[in-house]
C-alpha atoms as a PDB file:
ATOM      1  CA  MET A   1      -4.968  12.013  -3.873  1.00  0.00           C
ATOM      2  CA  VAL A   2      -2.133  13.439  -5.918  1.00  0.00           C
ATOM      3  CA  TYR A   3       0.240  10.557  -5.189  1.00  0.00           C
ATOM      4  CA  GLU A   4      -2.064   7.843  -6.591  1.00  0.00           C
ATOM      5  CA  LYS A   5      -0.618   8.279 -10.078  1.00  0.00           C
ATOM      6  CA  PHE A   6       2.812   7.301  -8.679  1.00  0.00           C
ATOM      7  CA  ILE A   7       1.624   3.983  -7.251  1.00  0.00           C
ATOM      8  CA  GLU A   8       2.910   0.978  -9.185  1.00  0.00           C
ATOM      9  CA  ARG A   9       0.849  -2.211  -9.363  1.00  0.00           C
ATOM     10  CA  ILE A  10       2.647  -5.543  -9.397  1.00  0.00           C
ATOM     11  CA  PRO A  11       0.515  -8.295 -10.911  1.00  0.00           C
ATOM     12  CA  GLY A  12       0.079 -11.629  -9.167  1.00  0.00           C
ATOM     13  CA  LYS A  13      -2.519 -13.744  -7.499  1.00  0.00           C
ATOM     14  CA  LYS A  14      -5.093 -11.686  -5.651  1.00  0.00           C
ATOM     15  CA  SER A  15      -4.748 -12.255  -1.937  1.00  0.00           C
ATOM     16  CA  ARG A  16      -5.260  -9.046  -0.001  1.00  0.00           C
ATOM     17  CA  ASP A  17      -5.208  -5.358  -0.899  1.00  0.00           C
ATOM     18  CA  ILE A  18      -1.555  -4.600  -0.153  1.00  0.00           C
ATOM     19  CA  LEU A  19      -0.044  -1.127  -0.398  1.00  0.00           C
ATOM     20  CA  LEU A  20       3.656  -0.846   0.398  1.00  0.00           C
ATOM     21  CA  PHE A  21       5.192   2.521   1.216  1.00  0.00           C
ATOM     22  CA  ALA A  22       8.915   2.136   0.566  1.00  0.00           C
ATOM     23  CA  LEU A  23      12.168   3.970  -0.086  1.00  0.00           C
ATOM     24  CA  SER A  24      14.118   3.187  -3.254  1.00  0.00           C
ATOM     25  CA  THR A  25      17.377   2.992  -1.274  1.00  0.00           C
ATOM     26  CA  CYS A  26      16.103   0.913   1.683  1.00  0.00           C
ATOM     27  CA  ALA A  27      17.412  -2.667   1.962  1.00  0.00           C
ATOM     28  CA  TRP A  28      14.459  -3.713   4.166  1.00  0.00           C
ATOM     29  CA  CYS A  29      12.032  -2.285   1.628  1.00  0.00           C
ATOM     30  CA  LYS A  30      13.741  -4.293  -1.124  1.00  0.00           C
ATOM     31  CA  LYS A  31      13.514  -7.441   1.030  1.00  0.00           C
ATOM     32  CA  THR A  32       9.807  -6.838   1.591  1.00  0.00           C
ATOM     33  CA  LYS A  33       9.172  -6.331  -2.138  1.00  0.00           C
ATOM     34  CA  GLY A  34      11.278  -9.415  -2.880  1.00  0.00           C
ATOM     35  CA  LEU A  35       9.232 -11.519  -0.470  1.00  0.00           C
ATOM     36  CA  LEU A  36       5.952 -10.353  -1.998  1.00  0.00           C
ATOM     37  CA  ASP A  37       7.352 -11.078  -5.473  1.00  0.00           C
ATOM     38  CA  LYS A  38       8.500 -14.543  -4.366  1.00  0.00           C
ATOM     39  CA  MET A  39       5.041 -15.234  -2.938  1.00  0.00           C
ATOM     40  CA  GLY A  40       3.554 -14.222  -6.294  1.00  0.00           C
ATOM     41  CA  VAL A  41       0.860 -11.961  -4.876  1.00  0.00           C
ATOM     42  CA  GLU A  42      -0.577  -8.801  -6.338  1.00  0.00           C
ATOM     43  CA  TYR A  43       0.452  -5.631  -4.524  1.00  0.00           C
ATOM     44  CA  LYS A  44       0.931  -1.920  -5.006  1.00  0.00           C
ATOM     45  CA  PHE A  45       3.894   0.160  -3.925  1.00  0.00           C
ATOM     46  CA  VAL A  46       5.211   3.680  -4.030  1.00  0.00           C
ATOM     47  CA  TYR A  47       8.794   4.878  -3.528  1.00  0.00           C
ATOM     48  CA  VAL A  48       8.213   7.796  -1.205  1.00  0.00           C
ATOM     49  CA  ASP A  49      11.723   9.240  -1.622  1.00  0.00           C
ATOM     50  CA  LEU A  50      11.151   9.697  -5.359  1.00  0.00           C
ATOM     51  CA  LEU A  51       8.079  11.890  -4.851  1.00  0.00           C
ATOM     52  CA  GLU A  52       8.139  15.672  -4.693  1.00  0.00           C
ATOM     53  CA  GLY A  53       5.913  18.507  -3.579  1.00  0.00           C
ATOM     54  CA  GLN A  54       2.257  17.868  -2.800  1.00  0.00           C
ATOM     55  CA  ALA A  55       2.473  14.174  -3.697  1.00  0.00           C
ATOM     56  CA  LYS A  56       5.250  13.611  -1.160  1.00  0.00           C
ATOM     57  CA  LYS A  57       3.403  15.613   1.492  1.00  0.00           C
ATOM     58  CA  GLU A  58       0.210  13.590   0.966  1.00  0.00           C
ATOM     59  CA  VAL A  59       1.953  10.231   1.033  1.00  0.00           C
ATOM     60  CA  MET A  60       3.914  11.105   4.187  1.00  0.00           C
ATOM     61  CA  ASN A  61       0.640  12.115   5.874  1.00  0.00           C
ATOM     62  CA  GLU A  62      -0.782   8.718   4.921  1.00  0.00           C
ATOM     63  CA  VAL A  63       2.327   6.887   6.184  1.00  0.00           C
ATOM     64  CA  GLU A  64       2.129   8.812   9.460  1.00  0.00           C
ATOM     65  CA  ARG A  65      -1.548   7.886   9.854  1.00  0.00           C
ATOM     66  CA  TRP A  66      -0.556   4.195   9.860  1.00  0.00           C
ATOM     67  CA  ASN A  67       2.918   4.502  11.347  1.00  0.00           C
ATOM     68  CA  PRO A  68       3.509   7.572  13.549  1.00  0.00           C
ATOM     69  CA  SER A  69       7.265   6.946  13.518  1.00  0.00           C
ATOM     70  CA  ARG A  70       7.191   7.322   9.706  1.00  0.00           C
ATOM     71  CA  SER A  71       9.671   4.485   9.199  1.00  0.00           C
ATOM     72  CA  PHE A  72       9.974   2.185   6.195  1.00  0.00           C
ATOM     73  CA  PRO A  73       8.791  -0.152   4.917  1.00  0.00           C
ATOM     74  CA  THR A  74       5.199   0.494   5.942  1.00  0.00           C
ATOM     75  CA  MET A  75       2.757  -2.016   4.507  1.00  0.00           C
ATOM     76  CA  VAL A  76      -1.001  -1.407   4.719  1.00  0.00           C
ATOM     77  CA  VAL A  77      -3.210  -4.465   4.270  1.00  0.00           C
ATOM     78  CA  ASP A  78      -6.875  -4.124   3.281  1.00  0.00           C
ATOM     79  CA  GLY A  79      -6.890  -0.587   4.653  1.00  0.00           C
ATOM     80  CA  LYS A  80      -7.197  -2.107   8.141  1.00  0.00           C
ATOM     81  CA  GLU A  81      -3.851  -3.499   9.243  1.00  0.00           C
ATOM     82  CA  CYS A  82      -0.296  -2.210   9.119  1.00  0.00           C
ATOM     83  CA  ILE A  83       2.991  -4.094   9.162  1.00  0.00           C
ATOM     84  CA  ILE A  84       5.991  -1.916   9.940  1.00  0.00           C
ATOM     85  CA  GLY A  85       9.438  -3.099   8.917  1.00  0.00           C
ATOM     86  CA  PHE A  86      10.464  -6.384   7.321  1.00  0.00           C
ATOM     87  CA  ARG A  87       8.576  -8.956   9.386  1.00  0.00           C
ATOM     88  CA  GLU A  88       8.697 -12.029   7.166  1.00  0.00           C
ATOM     89  CA  GLU A  89       6.553 -14.329   9.323  1.00  0.00           C
ATOM     90  CA  LYS A  90       3.856 -11.684   9.801  1.00  0.00           C
ATOM     91  CA  ILE A  91       3.827 -10.835   6.085  1.00  0.00           C
ATOM     92  CA  ARG A  92       3.501 -14.516   5.132  1.00  0.00           C
ATOM     93  CA  GLU A  93       0.744 -15.011   7.725  1.00  0.00           C
ATOM     94  CA  VAL A  94      -1.266 -11.983   6.549  1.00  0.00           C
ATOM     95  CA  VAL A  95      -0.927 -12.844   2.863  1.00  0.00           C
ATOM     96  CA  LYS A  96      -1.904 -16.496   3.385  1.00  0.00           C
ATOM     97  CA  SER A  97      -4.924 -15.558   5.502  1.00  0.00           C
ATOM     98  CA  GLY A  98      -6.319 -13.672   2.518  1.00  0.00           C
ATOM     99  CA  LYS A  99      -6.712 -16.723   0.308  1.00  0.00           C
END
């Protein structure tokens, strides 16, 4: 995947495999990142709006696979579950269940 080199890893305690697709200008995306930071968990993220060309095309195909409406934030957990939007309770529940 071309876009993998654009994924940033945030260190923290290992809970689940979390990949956050976000927009750099999205307030809900910032809230989601802030919550993950506050919880101190490891996660990966990519700012989709900062990608270009093939990388952007690939990442949007991946977002659409999980979230057909292609809205943000889109958070994929363990490659099995998707949380769309800033859903604080659901995010906390999913992260805690991974301990």
